[in-house]
């Protein structure tokens, strides 16, 4: 029997509520309806392959980027490190942003048959 009780969900991790995780199809639909798609990563990763029209956000600069994003706009966060992405989304939600994590990140976007592009706009291989 888990320490939090039989049949009950586990307690929040490190004081965070569990973050919403969405699949690539749900993320694409949200983006089509106006959600902001963010690519959580480094400029080097961005140059190699990123989701079209996604905003590059370096994890250590997230707080600066949040100042430019309206809290009313839903945000889909796609990363390459699931733990870091979950931590960033939890922090955003604590600050009042309507953010969700793309489960599986950039790789899930690509695996769903959607394109990734290079910095010059050519398709990434």
PDB file of N, CA and C in Angstrom:
ATOM      1  N   UNK A   1       0.847  -1.183   0.000  1.00  0.00           N
ATOM      2  CA  UNK A   1       0.000   0.000   0.000  1.00  0.00           C
ATOM      3  C   UNK A   1       0.890   1.243   0.000  1.00  0.00           C
ATOM      4  N   UNK A   2       0.642   2.204  -0.911  1.00  0.00           N
ATOM      5  CA  UNK A   2       1.447   3.423  -0.933  1.00  0.00           C
ATOM      6  C   UNK A   2       1.203   4.258   0.317  1.00  0.00           C
ATOM      7  N   UNK A   3       2.164   5.064   0.672  1.00  0.00           N
ATOM      8  CA  UNK A   3       2.077   5.839   1.913  1.00  0.00           C
ATOM      9  C   UNK A   3       0.957   6.870   1.902  1.00  0.00           C
ATOM     10  N   UNK A   4       0.424   7.238   0.722  1.00  0.00           N
ATOM     11  CA  UNK A   4      -0.609   8.273   0.673  1.00  0.00           C
ATOM     12  C   UNK A   4      -2.018   7.697   0.715  1.00  0.00           C
ATOM     13  N   UNK A   5      -2.140   6.399   0.768  1.00  0.00           N
ATOM     14  CA  UNK A   5      -3.453   5.784   0.896  1.00  0.00           C
ATOM     15  C   UNK A   5      -3.842   5.005  -0.340  1.00  0.00           C
ATOM     16  N   UNK A   6      -4.577   3.967  -0.126  1.00  0.00           N
ATOM     17  CA  UNK A   6      -5.001   3.101  -1.218  1.00  0.00           C
ATOM     18  C   UNK A   6      -6.099   3.785  -2.035  1.00  0.00           C
ATOM     19  N   UNK A   7      -5.913   3.806  -3.360  1.00  0.00           N
ATOM     20  CA  UNK A   7      -6.930   4.371  -4.235  1.00  0.00           C
ATOM     21  C   UNK A   7      -6.907   5.879  -4.350  1.00  0.00           C
ATOM     22  N   UNK A   8      -5.974   6.532  -3.693  1.00  0.00           N
ATOM     23  CA  UNK A   8      -5.881   7.995  -3.772  1.00  0.00           C
ATOM     24  C   UNK A   8      -4.696   8.376  -4.660  1.00  0.00           C
ATOM     25  N   UNK A   9      -4.788   9.547  -5.305  1.00  0.00           N
ATOM     26  CA  UNK A   9      -3.644   9.972  -6.121  1.00  0.00           C
ATOM     27  C   UNK A   9      -2.455  10.321  -5.232  1.00  0.00           C
ATOM     28  N   UNK A  10      -1.259  10.229  -5.760  1.00  0.00           N
ATOM     29  CA  UNK A  10      -0.091  10.590  -4.960  1.00  0.00           C
ATOM     30  C   UNK A  10      -0.109  12.079  -4.633  1.00  0.00           C
ATOM     31  N   UNK A  11       0.587  12.465  -3.583  1.00  0.00           N
ATOM     32  CA  UNK A  11       0.639  13.891  -3.236  1.00  0.00           C
ATOM     33  C   UNK A  11       1.430  14.668  -4.286  1.00  0.00           C
ATOM     34  N   UNK A  12       1.231  15.995  -4.347  1.00  0.00           N
ATOM     35  CA  UNK A  12       1.992  16.796  -5.307  1.00  0.00           C
ATOM     36  C   UNK A  12       3.491  16.628  -5.093  1.00  0.00           C
ATOM     37  N   UNK A  13       4.228  16.606  -6.183  1.00  0.00           N
ATOM     38  CA  UNK A  13       5.678  16.437  -6.152  1.00  0.00           C
ATOM     39  C   UNK A  13       6.337  17.727  -5.713  1.00  0.00           C
ATOM     40  N   UNK A  14       7.099  17.702  -4.669  1.00  0.00           N
ATOM     41  CA  UNK A  14       7.842  18.855  -4.149  1.00  0.00           C
ATOM     42  C   UNK A  14       6.967  20.097  -4.006  1.00  0.00           C
ATOM     43  N   UNK A  15       5.741  19.889  -3.589  1.00  0.00           N
ATOM     44  CA  UNK A  15       4.858  21.016  -3.366  1.00  0.00           C
ATOM     45  C   UNK A  15       4.146  21.520  -4.604  1.00  0.00           C
ATOM     46  N   UNK A  16       4.428  20.944  -5.770  1.00  0.00           N
ATOM     47  CA  UNK A  16       3.772  21.365  -7.005  1.00  0.00           C
ATOM     48  C   UNK A  16       2.557  20.487  -7.265  1.00  0.00           C
ATOM     49  N   UNK A  17       1.530  21.105  -7.795  1.00  0.00           N
ATOM     50  CA  UNK A  17       0.405  20.329  -8.291  1.00  0.00           C
ATOM     51  C   UNK A  17       0.870  19.647  -9.573  1.00  0.00           C
ATOM     52  N   UNK A  18       0.323  18.490  -9.887  1.00  0.00           N
ATOM     53  CA  UNK A  18       0.696  17.849 -11.151  1.00  0.00           C
ATOM     54  C   UNK A  18       0.371  18.774 -12.326  1.00  0.00           C
ATOM     55  N   UNK A  19       1.257  18.850 -13.286  1.00  0.00           N
ATOM     56  CA  UNK A  19       1.035  19.735 -14.426  1.00  0.00           C
ATOM     57  C   UNK A  19       0.211  19.018 -15.486  1.00  0.00           C
ATOM     58  N   UNK A  20      -0.602  19.775 -16.220  1.00  0.00           N
ATOM     59  CA  UNK A  20      -1.349  19.150 -17.309  1.00  0.00           C
ATOM     60  C   UNK A  20      -0.411  18.723 -18.427  1.00  0.00           C
ATOM     61  N   UNK A  21      -0.609  17.518 -18.907  1.00  0.00           N
ATOM     62  CA  UNK A  21       0.185  16.993 -20.027  1.00  0.00           C
ATOM     63  C   UNK A  21      -0.771  16.695 -21.166  1.00  0.00           C
ATOM     64  N   UNK A  22      -0.420  17.183 -22.354  1.00  0.00           N
ATOM     65  CA  UNK A  22      -1.273  16.979 -23.509  1.00  0.00           C
ATOM     66  C   UNK A  22      -0.488  16.297 -24.621  1.00  0.00           C
ATOM     67  N   UNK A  23      -1.191  15.594 -25.488  1.00  0.00           N
ATOM     68  CA  UNK A  23      -0.515  14.925 -26.603  1.00  0.00           C
ATOM     69  C   UNK A  23      -0.336  15.916 -27.757  1.00  0.00           C
ATOM     70  N   UNK A  24       0.372  15.482 -28.781  1.00  0.00           N
ATOM     71  CA  UNK A  24       0.707  16.360 -29.902  1.00  0.00           C
ATOM     72  C   UNK A  24      -0.536  16.817 -30.659  1.00  0.00           C
ATOM     73  N   UNK A  25      -1.531  15.951 -30.811  1.00  0.00           N
ATOM     74  CA  UNK A  25      -2.744  16.350 -31.518  1.00  0.00           C
ATOM     75  C   UNK A  25      -3.485  17.446 -30.757  1.00  0.00           C
ATOM     76  N   UNK A  26      -3.590  17.291 -29.443  1.00  0.00           N
ATOM     77  CA  UNK A  26      -4.250  18.303 -28.614  1.00  0.00           C
ATOM     78  C   UNK A  26      -3.460  19.604 -28.647  1.00  0.00           C
ATOM     79  N   UNK A  27      -2.133  19.491 -28.608  1.00  0.00           N
ATOM     80  CA  UNK A  27      -1.280  20.686 -28.668  1.00  0.00           C
ATOM     81  C   UNK A  27      -1.463  21.419 -29.992  1.00  0.00           C
ATOM     82  N   UNK A  28      -1.479  20.677 -31.098  1.00  0.00           N
ATOM     83  CA  UNK A  28      -1.641  21.291 -32.417  1.00  0.00           C
ATOM     84  C   UNK A  28      -2.990  21.999 -32.524  1.00  0.00           C
ATOM     85  N   UNK A  29      -4.035  21.384 -31.983  1.00  0.00           N
ATOM     86  CA  UNK A  29      -5.363  22.010 -32.001  1.00  0.00           C
ATOM     87  C   UNK A  29      -5.362  23.285 -31.166  1.00  0.00           C
ATOM     88  N   UNK A  30      -4.719  23.236 -30.002  1.00  0.00           N
ATOM     89  CA  UNK A  30      -4.640  24.423 -29.147  1.00  0.00           C
ATOM     90  C   UNK A  30      -3.905  25.562 -29.854  1.00  0.00           C
ATOM     91  N   UNK A  31      -2.826  25.230 -30.549  1.00  0.00           N
ATOM     92  CA  UNK A  31      -2.053  26.241 -31.274  1.00  0.00           C
ATOM     93  C   UNK A  31      -2.897  26.838 -32.397  1.00  0.00           C
ATOM     94  N   UNK A  32      -3.636  25.996 -33.104  1.00  0.00           N
ATOM     95  CA  UNK A  32      -4.521  26.484 -34.166  1.00  0.00           C
ATOM     96  C   UNK A  32      -5.561  27.454 -33.620  1.00  0.00           C
ATOM     97  N   UNK A  33      -5.949  27.273 -32.354  1.00  0.00           N
ATOM     98  CA  UNK A  33      -6.957  28.130 -31.723  1.00  0.00           C
ATOM     99  C   UNK A  33      -6.337  29.336 -31.018  1.00  0.00           C
ATOM    100  N   UNK A  34      -5.003  29.497 -31.133  1.00  0.00           N
ATOM    101  CA  UNK A  34      -4.376  30.690 -30.580  1.00  0.00           C
ATOM    102  C   UNK A  34      -3.416  30.503 -29.428  1.00  0.00           C
ATOM    103  N   UNK A  35      -3.219  29.279 -28.971  1.00  0.00           N
ATOM    104  CA  UNK A  35      -2.251  29.058 -27.893  1.00  0.00           C
ATOM    105  C   UNK A  35      -0.839  29.347 -28.407  1.00  0.00           C
ATOM    106  N   UNK A  36       0.013  29.791 -27.507  1.00  0.00           N
ATOM    107  CA  UNK A  36       1.416  30.038 -27.833  1.00  0.00           C
ATOM    108  C   UNK A  36       2.192  28.742 -27.697  1.00  0.00           C
ATOM    109  N   UNK A  37       2.904  28.379 -28.742  1.00  0.00           N
ATOM    110  CA  UNK A  37       3.751  27.183 -28.722  1.00  0.00           C
ATOM    111  C   UNK A  37       5.166  27.611 -28.379  1.00  0.00           C
ATOM    112  N   UNK A  38       5.710  27.059 -27.305  1.00  0.00           N
ATOM    113  CA  UNK A  38       7.073  27.397 -26.913  1.00  0.00           C
ATOM    114  C   UNK A  38       7.958  26.163 -27.006  1.00  0.00           C
ATOM    115  N   UNK A  39       9.170  26.381 -27.465  1.00  0.00           N
ATOM    116  CA  UNK A  39      10.177  25.334 -27.587  1.00  0.00           C
ATOM    117  C   UNK A  39      11.215  25.616 -26.513  1.00  0.00           C
ATOM    118  N   UNK A  40      11.194  24.819 -25.467  1.00  0.00           N
ATOM    119  CA  UNK A  40      12.096  25.001 -24.336  1.00  0.00           C
ATOM    120  C   UNK A  40      13.418  24.318 -24.655  1.00  0.00           C
ATOM    121  N   UNK A  41      14.459  25.096 -24.874  1.00  0.00           N
ATOM    122  CA  UNK A  41      15.740  24.507 -25.225  1.00  0.00           C
ATOM    123  C   UNK A  41      16.816  25.546 -25.447  1.00  0.00           C
ATOM    124  N   UNK A  42      17.882  25.116 -26.062  1.00  0.00           N
ATOM    125  CA  UNK A  42      19.026  25.991 -26.305  1.00  0.00           C
ATOM    126  C   UNK A  42      19.002  26.504 -27.749  1.00  0.00           C
ATOM    127  N   UNK A  43      19.701  27.591 -28.015  1.00  0.00           N
ATOM    128  CA  UNK A  43      19.792  28.065 -29.406  1.00  0.00           C
ATOM    129  C   UNK A  43      20.366  26.998 -30.343  1.00  0.00           C
ATOM    130  N   UNK A  44      21.299  26.197 -29.854  1.00  0.00           N
ATOM    131  CA  UNK A  44      21.886  25.145 -30.684  1.00  0.00           C
ATOM    132  C   UNK A  44      20.829  24.124 -31.103  1.00  0.00           C
ATOM    133  N   UNK A  45      19.971  23.729 -30.161  1.00  0.00           N
ATOM    134  CA  UNK A  45      18.894  22.790 -30.479  1.00  0.00           C
ATOM    135  C   UNK A  45      17.912  23.421 -31.470  1.00  0.00           C
ATOM    136  N   UNK A  46      17.628  24.697 -31.264  1.00  0.00           N
ATOM    137  CA  UNK A  46      16.707  25.435 -32.122  1.00  0.00           C
ATOM    138  C   UNK A  46      17.222  25.480 -33.569  1.00  0.00           C
ATOM    139  N   UNK A  47      18.511  25.715 -33.725  1.00  0.00           N
ATOM    140  CA  UNK A  47      19.079  25.792 -35.065  1.00  0.00           C
ATOM    141  C   UNK A  47      18.942  24.476 -35.816  1.00  0.00           C
ATOM    142  N   UNK A  48      19.089  23.375 -35.102  1.00  0.00           N
ATOM    143  CA  UNK A  48      19.037  22.053 -35.721  1.00  0.00           C
ATOM    144  C   UNK A  48      17.603  21.669 -36.093  1.00  0.00           C
ATOM    145  N   UNK A  49      16.665  21.849 -35.169  1.00  0.00           N
ATOM    146  CA  UNK A  49      15.272  21.466 -35.427  1.00  0.00           C
ATOM    147  C   UNK A  49      14.353  22.050 -34.358  1.00  0.00           C
ATOM    148  N   UNK A  50      13.283  22.684 -34.834  1.00  0.00           N
ATOM    149  CA  UNK A  50      12.260  23.178 -33.913  1.00  0.00           C
ATOM    150  C   UNK A  50      10.893  23.122 -34.594  1.00  0.00           C
ATOM    151  N   UNK A  51       9.869  23.292 -33.814  1.00  0.00           N
ATOM    152  CA  UNK A  51       8.512  23.272 -34.335  1.00  0.00           C
ATOM    153  C   UNK A  51       8.231  24.610 -35.027  1.00  0.00           C
ATOM    154  N   UNK A  52       7.619  24.576 -36.196  1.00  0.00           N
ATOM    155  CA  UNK A  52       7.345  25.825 -36.905  1.00  0.00           C
ATOM    156  C   UNK A  52       6.537  26.796 -36.038  1.00  0.00           C
ATOM    157  N   UNK A  53       6.926  28.055 -36.089  1.00  0.00           N
ATOM    158  CA  UNK A  53       6.238  29.142 -35.370  1.00  0.00           C
ATOM    159  C   UNK A  53       6.353  29.062 -33.853  1.00  0.00           C
ATOM    160  N   UNK A  54       7.193  28.179 -33.332  1.00  0.00           N
ATOM    161  CA  UNK A  54       7.367  28.086 -31.884  1.00  0.00           C
ATOM    162  C   UNK A  54       8.339  29.162 -31.406  1.00  0.00           C
ATOM    163  N   UNK A  55       8.072  29.673 -30.229  1.00  0.00           N
ATOM    164  CA  UNK A  55       8.946  30.651 -29.592  1.00  0.00           C
ATOM    165  C   UNK A  55      10.051  29.907 -28.851  1.00  0.00           C
ATOM    166  N   UNK A  56      11.298  30.193 -29.173  1.00  0.00           N
ATOM    167  CA  UNK A  56      12.414  29.597 -28.442  1.00  0.00           C
ATOM    168  C   UNK A  56      12.501  30.256 -27.074  1.00  0.00           C
ATOM    169  N   UNK A  57      12.530  29.437 -26.044  1.00  0.00           N
ATOM    170  CA  UNK A  57      12.694  29.928 -24.683  1.00  0.00           C
ATOM    171  C   UNK A  57      13.787  29.097 -24.024  1.00  0.00           C
ATOM    172  N   UNK A  58      14.865  29.770 -23.654  1.00  0.00           N
ATOM    173  CA  UNK A  58      15.920  29.089 -22.909  1.00  0.00           C
ATOM    174  C   UNK A  58      15.452  28.973 -21.455  1.00  0.00           C
ATOM    175  N   UNK A  59      15.599  27.809 -20.844  1.00  0.00           N
ATOM    176  CA  UNK A  59      15.074  27.610 -19.489  1.00  0.00           C
ATOM    177  C   UNK A  59      15.525  28.675 -18.484  1.00  0.00           C
ATOM    178  N   UNK A  60      16.788  29.066 -18.559  1.00  0.00           N
ATOM    179  CA  UNK A  60      17.276  30.042 -17.585  1.00  0.00           C
ATOM    180  C   UNK A  60      16.765  31.458 -17.851  1.00  0.00           C
ATOM    181  N   UNK A  61      16.141  31.682 -18.989  1.00  0.00           N
ATOM    182  CA  UNK A  61      15.592  32.998 -19.332  1.00  0.00           C
ATOM    183  C   UNK A  61      14.061  33.019 -19.289  1.00  0.00           C
ATOM    184  N   UNK A  62      13.454  31.966 -18.779  1.00  0.00           N
ATOM    185  CA  UNK A  62      11.999  31.859 -18.775  1.00  0.00           C
ATOM    186  C   UNK A  62      11.337  33.047 -18.079  1.00  0.00           C
ATOM    187  N   UNK A  63      11.848  33.462 -16.945  1.00  0.00           N
ATOM    188  CA  UNK A  63      11.221  34.573 -16.229  1.00  0.00           C
ATOM    189  C   UNK A  63      11.207  35.847 -17.066  1.00  0.00           C
ATOM    190  N   UNK A  64      12.261  36.097 -17.843  1.00  0.00           N
ATOM    191  CA  UNK A  64      12.284  37.269 -18.717  1.00  0.00           C
ATOM    192  C   UNK A  64      11.240  37.145 -19.820  1.00  0.00           C
ATOM    193  N   UNK A  65      11.104  35.961 -20.393  1.00  0.00           N
ATOM    194  CA  UNK A  65      10.130  35.741 -21.464  1.00  0.00           C
ATOM    195  C   UNK A  65       8.701  35.893 -20.960  1.00  0.00           C
ATOM    196  N   UNK A  66       8.440  35.475 -19.733  1.00  0.00           N
ATOM    197  CA  UNK A  66       7.083  35.553 -19.198  1.00  0.00           C
ATOM    198  C   UNK A  66       6.569  36.982 -19.167  1.00  0.00           C
ATOM    199  N   UNK A  67       7.453  37.927 -19.010  1.00  0.00           N
ATOM    200  CA  UNK A  67       7.049  39.325 -19.003  1.00  0.00           C
ATOM    201  C   UNK A  67       6.468  39.780 -20.328  1.00  0.00           C
ATOM    202  N   UNK A  68       6.746  39.049 -21.391  1.00  0.00           N
ATOM    203  CA  UNK A  68       6.258  39.397 -22.726  1.00  0.00           C
ATOM    204  C   UNK A  68       5.019  38.607 -23.131  1.00  0.00           C
ATOM    205  N   UNK A  69       4.571  37.692 -22.282  1.00  0.00           N
ATOM    206  CA  UNK A  69       3.457  36.813 -22.624  1.00  0.00           C
ATOM    207  C   UNK A  69       2.251  37.156 -21.751  1.00  0.00           C
ATOM    208  N   UNK A  70       1.114  37.368 -22.397  1.00  0.00           N
ATOM    209  CA  UNK A  70      -0.124  37.663 -21.657  1.00  0.00           C
ATOM    210  C   UNK A  70      -0.576  36.429 -20.886  1.00  0.00           C
ATOM    211  N   UNK A  71      -0.990  36.649 -19.642  1.00  0.00           N
ATOM    212  CA  UNK A  71      -1.442  35.524 -18.821  1.00  0.00           C
ATOM    213  C   UNK A  71      -2.728  34.903 -19.356  1.00  0.00           C
ATOM    214  N   UNK A  72      -3.473  35.656 -20.144  1.00  0.00           N
ATOM    215  CA  UNK A  72      -4.731  35.150 -20.674  1.00  0.00           C
ATOM    216  C   UNK A  72      -4.521  34.162 -21.824  1.00  0.00           C
ATOM    217  N   UNK A  73      -3.338  34.155 -22.419  1.00  0.00           N
ATOM    218  CA  UNK A  73      -3.098  33.293 -23.578  1.00  0.00           C
ATOM    219  C   UNK A  73      -2.615  31.915 -23.122  1.00  0.00           C
ATOM    220  N   UNK A  74      -3.280  30.858 -23.546  1.00  0.00           N
ATOM    221  CA  UNK A  74      -2.806  29.516 -23.208  1.00  0.00           C
ATOM    222  C   UNK A  74      -1.421  29.269 -23.814  1.00  0.00           C
ATOM    223  N   UNK A  75      -0.624  28.471 -23.125  1.00  0.00           N
ATOM    224  CA  UNK A  75       0.750  28.196 -23.551  1.00  0.00           C
ATOM    225  C   UNK A  75       0.975  26.690 -23.577  1.00  0.00           C
ATOM    226  N   UNK A  76       1.543  26.213 -24.676  1.00  0.00           N
ATOM    227  CA  UNK A  76       1.967  24.814 -24.792  1.00  0.00           C
ATOM    228  C   UNK A  76       3.488  24.829 -24.729  1.00  0.00           C
ATOM    229  N   UNK A  77       4.046  24.113 -23.774  1.00  0.00           N
ATOM    230  CA  UNK A  77       5.499  24.067 -23.596  1.00  0.00           C
ATOM    231  C   UNK A  77       6.014  22.703 -24.043  1.00  0.00           C
ATOM    232  N   UNK A  78       6.899  22.731 -25.045  1.00  0.00           N
ATOM    233  CA  UNK A  78       7.521  21.513 -25.549  1.00  0.00           C
ATOM    234  C   UNK A  78       9.010  21.579 -25.259  1.00  0.00           C
ATOM    235  N   UNK A  79       9.529  20.561 -24.647  1.00  0.00           N
ATOM    236  CA  UNK A  79      10.953  20.546 -24.317  1.00  0.00           C
ATOM    237  C   UNK A  79      11.592  19.236 -24.735  1.00  0.00           C
ATOM    238  N   UNK A  80      12.833  19.135 -24.396  1.00  0.00           N
ATOM    239  CA  UNK A  80      13.593  17.919 -24.697  1.00  0.00           C
ATOM    240  C   UNK A  80      13.941  17.142 -23.434  1.00  0.00           C
ATOM    241  N   UNK A  81      13.826  17.799 -22.299  1.00  0.00           N
ATOM    242  CA  UNK A  81      14.077  17.189 -20.995  1.00  0.00           C
ATOM    243  C   UNK A  81      12.748  17.210 -20.227  1.00  0.00           C
ATOM    244  N   UNK A  82      12.095  16.053 -20.082  1.00  0.00           N
ATOM    245  CA  UNK A  82      10.771  16.028 -19.455  1.00  0.00           C
ATOM    246  C   UNK A  82      10.743  16.590 -18.031  1.00  0.00           C
ATOM    247  N   UNK A  83      11.754  16.280 -17.236  1.00  0.00           N
ATOM    248  CA  UNK A  83      11.780  16.780 -15.869  1.00  0.00           C
ATOM    249  C   UNK A  83      11.869  18.295 -15.810  1.00  0.00           C
ATOM    250  N   UNK A  84      12.738  18.860 -16.626  1.00  0.00           N
ATOM    251  CA  UNK A  84      12.890  20.311 -16.679  1.00  0.00           C
ATOM    252  C   UNK A  84      11.617  20.963 -17.215  1.00  0.00           C
ATOM    253  N   UNK A  85      11.029  20.383 -18.238  1.00  0.00           N
ATOM    254  CA  UNK A  85       9.808  20.936 -18.809  1.00  0.00           C
ATOM    255  C   UNK A  85       8.691  20.947 -17.775  1.00  0.00           C
ATOM    256  N   UNK A  86       8.554  19.861 -17.043  1.00  0.00           N
ATOM    257  CA  UNK A  86       7.522  19.792 -16.009  1.00  0.00           C
ATOM    258  C   UNK A  86       7.756  20.845 -14.925  1.00  0.00           C
ATOM    259  N   UNK A  87       8.996  21.025 -14.550  1.00  0.00           N
ATOM    260  CA  UNK A  87       9.335  22.031 -13.540  1.00  0.00           C
ATOM    261  C   UNK A  87       8.993  23.445 -14.033  1.00  0.00           C
ATOM    262  N   UNK A  88       9.311  23.740 -15.284  1.00  0.00           N
ATOM    263  CA  UNK A  88       9.027  25.059 -15.857  1.00  0.00           C
ATOM    264  C   UNK A  88       7.518  25.297 -15.931  1.00  0.00           C
ATOM    265  N   UNK A  89       6.767  24.297 -16.401  1.00  0.00           N
ATOM    266  CA  UNK A  89       5.313  24.443 -16.503  1.00  0.00           C
ATOM    267  C   UNK A  89       4.701  24.633 -15.119  1.00  0.00           C
ATOM    268  N   UNK A  90       5.158  23.901 -14.129  1.00  0.00           N
ATOM    269  CA  UNK A  90       4.649  24.059 -12.763  1.00  0.00           C
ATOM    270  C   UNK A  90       4.901  25.479 -12.270  1.00  0.00           C
ATOM    271  N   UNK A  91       6.080  26.004 -12.528  1.00  0.00           N
ATOM    272  CA  UNK A  91       6.417  27.371 -12.119  1.00  0.00           C
ATOM    273  C   UNK A  91       5.528  28.393 -12.833  1.00  0.00           C
ATOM    274  N   UNK A  92       5.297  28.178 -14.117  1.00  0.00           N
ATOM    275  CA  UNK A  92       4.433  29.088 -14.877  1.00  0.00           C
ATOM    276  C   UNK A  92       3.020  29.094 -14.307  1.00  0.00           C
ATOM    277  N   UNK A  93       2.510  27.918 -13.993  1.00  0.00           N
ATOM    278  CA  UNK A  93       1.150  27.814 -13.458  1.00  0.00           C
ATOM    279  C   UNK A  93       1.045  28.481 -12.091  1.00  0.00           C
ATOM    280  N   UNK A  94       2.083  28.347 -11.287  1.00  0.00           N
ATOM    281  CA  UNK A  94       2.084  29.012  -9.980  1.00  0.00           C
ATOM    282  C   UNK A  94       2.047  30.530 -10.124  1.00  0.00           C
ATOM    283  N   UNK A  95       2.548  31.034 -11.244  1.00  0.00           N
ATOM    284  CA  UNK A  95       2.564  32.481 -11.511  1.00  0.00           C
ATOM    285  C   UNK A  95       1.299  32.946 -12.231  1.00  0.00           C
ATOM    286  N   UNK A  96       0.366  32.036 -12.446  1.00  0.00           N
ATOM    287  CA  UNK A  96      -0.915  32.408 -13.014  1.00  0.00           C
ATOM    288  C   UNK A  96      -1.071  32.194 -14.505  1.00  0.00           C
ATOM    289  N   UNK A  97      -0.118  31.518 -15.150  1.00  0.00           N
ATOM    290  CA  UNK A  97      -0.205  31.255 -16.589  1.00  0.00           C
ATOM    291  C   UNK A  97      -0.959  29.966 -16.840  1.00  0.00           C
ATOM    292  N   UNK A  98      -1.700  29.941 -17.941  1.00  0.00           N
ATOM    293  CA  UNK A  98      -2.435  28.754 -18.358  1.00  0.00           C
ATOM    294  C   UNK A  98      -1.520  27.938 -19.255  1.00  0.00           C
ATOM    295  N   UNK A  99      -0.654  27.144 -18.636  1.00  0.00           N
ATOM    296  CA  UNK A  99       0.376  26.404 -19.376  1.00  0.00           C
ATOM    297  C   UNK A  99       0.166  24.903 -19.233  1.00  0.00           C
ATOM    298  N   UNK A 100       0.494  24.194 -20.319  1.00  0.00           N
ATOM    299  CA  UNK A 100       0.440  22.735 -20.330  1.00  0.00           C
ATOM    300  C   UNK A 100       1.709  22.220 -20.985  1.00  0.00           C
ATOM    301  N   UNK A 101       2.090  21.023 -20.625  1.00  0.00           N
ATOM    302  CA  UNK A 101       3.296  20.377 -21.142  1.00  0.00           C
ATOM    303  C   UNK A 101       2.935  19.458 -22.298  1.00  0.00           C
ATOM    304  N   UNK A 102       3.652  19.584 -23.403  1.00  0.00           N
ATOM    305  CA  UNK A 102       3.496  18.630 -24.503  1.00  0.00           C
ATOM    306  C   UNK A 102       4.188  17.340 -24.066  1.00  0.00           C
ATOM    307  N   UNK A 103       3.390  16.335 -23.772  1.00  0.00           N
ATOM    308  CA  UNK A 103       3.928  15.063 -23.296  1.00  0.00           C
ATOM    309  C   UNK A 103       4.799  14.440 -24.385  1.00  0.00           C
ATOM    310  N   UNK A 104       6.058  14.227 -24.078  1.00  0.00           N
ATOM    311  CA  UNK A 104       6.998  13.684 -25.054  1.00  0.00           C
ATOM    312  C   UNK A 104       7.765  14.762 -25.789  1.00  0.00           C
ATOM    313  N   UNK A 105       7.377  16.014 -25.598  1.00  0.00           N
ATOM    314  CA  UNK A 105       8.120  17.154 -26.126  1.00  0.00           C
ATOM    315  C   UNK A 105       8.224  17.212 -27.637  1.00  0.00           C
ATOM    316  N   UNK A 106       9.331  17.764 -28.071  1.00  0.00           N
ATOM    317  CA  UNK A 106       9.587  17.967 -29.492  1.00  0.00           C
ATOM    318  C   UNK A 106       9.570  16.631 -30.241  1.00  0.00           C
ATOM    319  N   UNK A 107      10.070  15.581 -29.615  1.00  0.00           N
ATOM    320  CA  UNK A 107      10.085  14.261 -30.253  1.00  0.00           C
ATOM    321  C   UNK A 107       8.665  13.758 -30.502  1.00  0.00           C
ATOM    322  N   UNK A 108       7.746  14.023 -29.576  1.00  0.00           N
ATOM    323  CA  UNK A 108       6.353  13.602 -29.756  1.00  0.00           C
ATOM    324  C   UNK A 108       5.698  14.378 -30.892  1.00  0.00           C
ATOM    325  N   UNK A 109       6.056  15.655 -31.021  1.00  0.00           N
ATOM    326  CA  UNK A 109       5.537  16.474 -32.114  1.00  0.00           C
ATOM    327  C   UNK A 109       5.922  15.838 -33.450  1.00  0.00           C
ATOM    328  N   UNK A 110       7.188  15.493 -33.560  1.00  0.00           N
ATOM    329  CA  UNK A 110       7.688  14.884 -34.797  1.00  0.00           C
ATOM    330  C   UNK A 110       7.076  13.494 -35.004  1.00  0.00           C
ATOM    331  N   UNK A 111       6.992  12.700 -33.947  1.00  0.00           N
ATOM    332  CA  UNK A 111       6.448  11.350 -34.058  1.00  0.00           C
ATOM    333  C   UNK A 111       4.979  11.352 -34.477  1.00  0.00           C
ATOM    334  N   UNK A 112       4.287  12.466 -34.225  1.00  0.00           N
ATOM    335  CA  UNK A 112       2.874  12.562 -34.615  1.00  0.00           C
ATOM    336  C   UNK A 112       2.718  12.887 -36.099  1.00  0.00           C
ATOM    337  N   UNK A 113       3.858  13.013 -36.807  1.00  0.00           N
ATOM    338  CA  UNK A 113       3.818  13.290 -38.233  1.00  0.00           C
ATOM    339  C   UNK A 113       3.912  14.762 -38.569  1.00  0.00           C
ATOM    340  N   UNK A 114       4.131  15.587 -37.556  1.00  0.00           N
ATOM    341  CA  UNK A 114       4.239  17.028 -37.791  1.00  0.00           C
ATOM    342  C   UNK A 114       5.690  17.392 -38.090  1.00  0.00           C
ATOM    343  N   UNK A 115       5.836  18.473 -38.811  1.00  0.00           N
ATOM    344  CA  UNK A 115       7.162  18.899 -39.251  1.00  0.00           C
ATOM    345  C   UNK A 115       7.962  19.572 -38.156  1.00  0.00           C
ATOM    346  N   UNK A 116       9.268  19.441 -38.293  1.00  0.00           N
ATOM    347  CA  UNK A 116      10.236  20.263 -37.575  1.00  0.00           C
ATOM    348  C   UNK A 116      11.011  20.989 -38.659  1.00  0.00           C
ATOM    349  N   UNK A 117      11.457  22.200 -38.337  1.00  0.00           N
ATOM    350  CA  UNK A 117      12.208  22.985 -39.309  1.00  0.00           C
ATOM    351  C   UNK A 117      13.532  23.433 -38.712  1.00  0.00           C
ATOM    352  N   UNK A 118      14.450  23.778 -39.605  1.00  0.00           N
ATOM    353  CA  UNK A 118      15.733  24.357 -39.192  1.00  0.00           C
ATOM    354  C   UNK A 118      15.557  25.862 -39.038  1.00  0.00           C
ATOM    355  N   UNK A 119      16.591  26.526 -38.577  1.00  0.00           N
ATOM    356  CA  UNK A 119      16.536  27.963 -38.387  1.00  0.00           C
ATOM    357  C   UNK A 119      16.246  28.709 -39.694  1.00  0.00           C
ATOM    358  N   UNK A 120      16.682  28.154 -40.821  1.00  0.00           N
ATOM    359  CA  UNK A 120      16.450  28.819 -42.110  1.00  0.00           C
ATOM    360  C   UNK A 120      15.094  28.451 -42.732  1.00  0.00           C
ATOM    361  N   UNK A 121      14.279  27.677 -42.016  1.00  0.00           N
ATOM    362  CA  UNK A 121      12.962  27.323 -42.487  1.00  0.00           C
ATOM    363  C   UNK A 121      12.881  26.030 -43.288  1.00  0.00           C
ATOM    364  N   UNK A 122      14.041  25.452 -43.647  1.00  0.00           N
ATOM    365  CA  UNK A 122      14.029  24.176 -44.370  1.00  0.00           C
ATOM    366  C   UNK A 122      13.615  23.058 -43.431  1.00  0.00           C
ATOM    367  N   UNK A 123      12.999  22.014 -43.977  1.00  0.00           N
ATOM    368  CA  UNK A 123      12.612  20.886 -43.129  1.00  0.00           C
ATOM    369  C   UNK A 123      13.829  20.251 -42.459  1.00  0.00           C
ATOM    370  N   UNK A 124      13.655  19.900 -41.186  1.00  0.00           N
ATOM    371  CA  UNK A 124      14.714  19.190 -40.460  1.00  0.00           C
ATOM    372  C   UNK A 124      14.593  17.711 -40.798  1.00  0.00           C
ATOM    373  N   UNK A 125      15.680  17.038 -40.887  1.00  0.00           N
ATOM    374  CA  UNK A 125      15.683  15.609 -41.205  1.00  0.00           C
ATOM    375  C   UNK A 125      15.783  14.789 -39.949  1.00  0.00           C
TER     376      UNK A 125
END
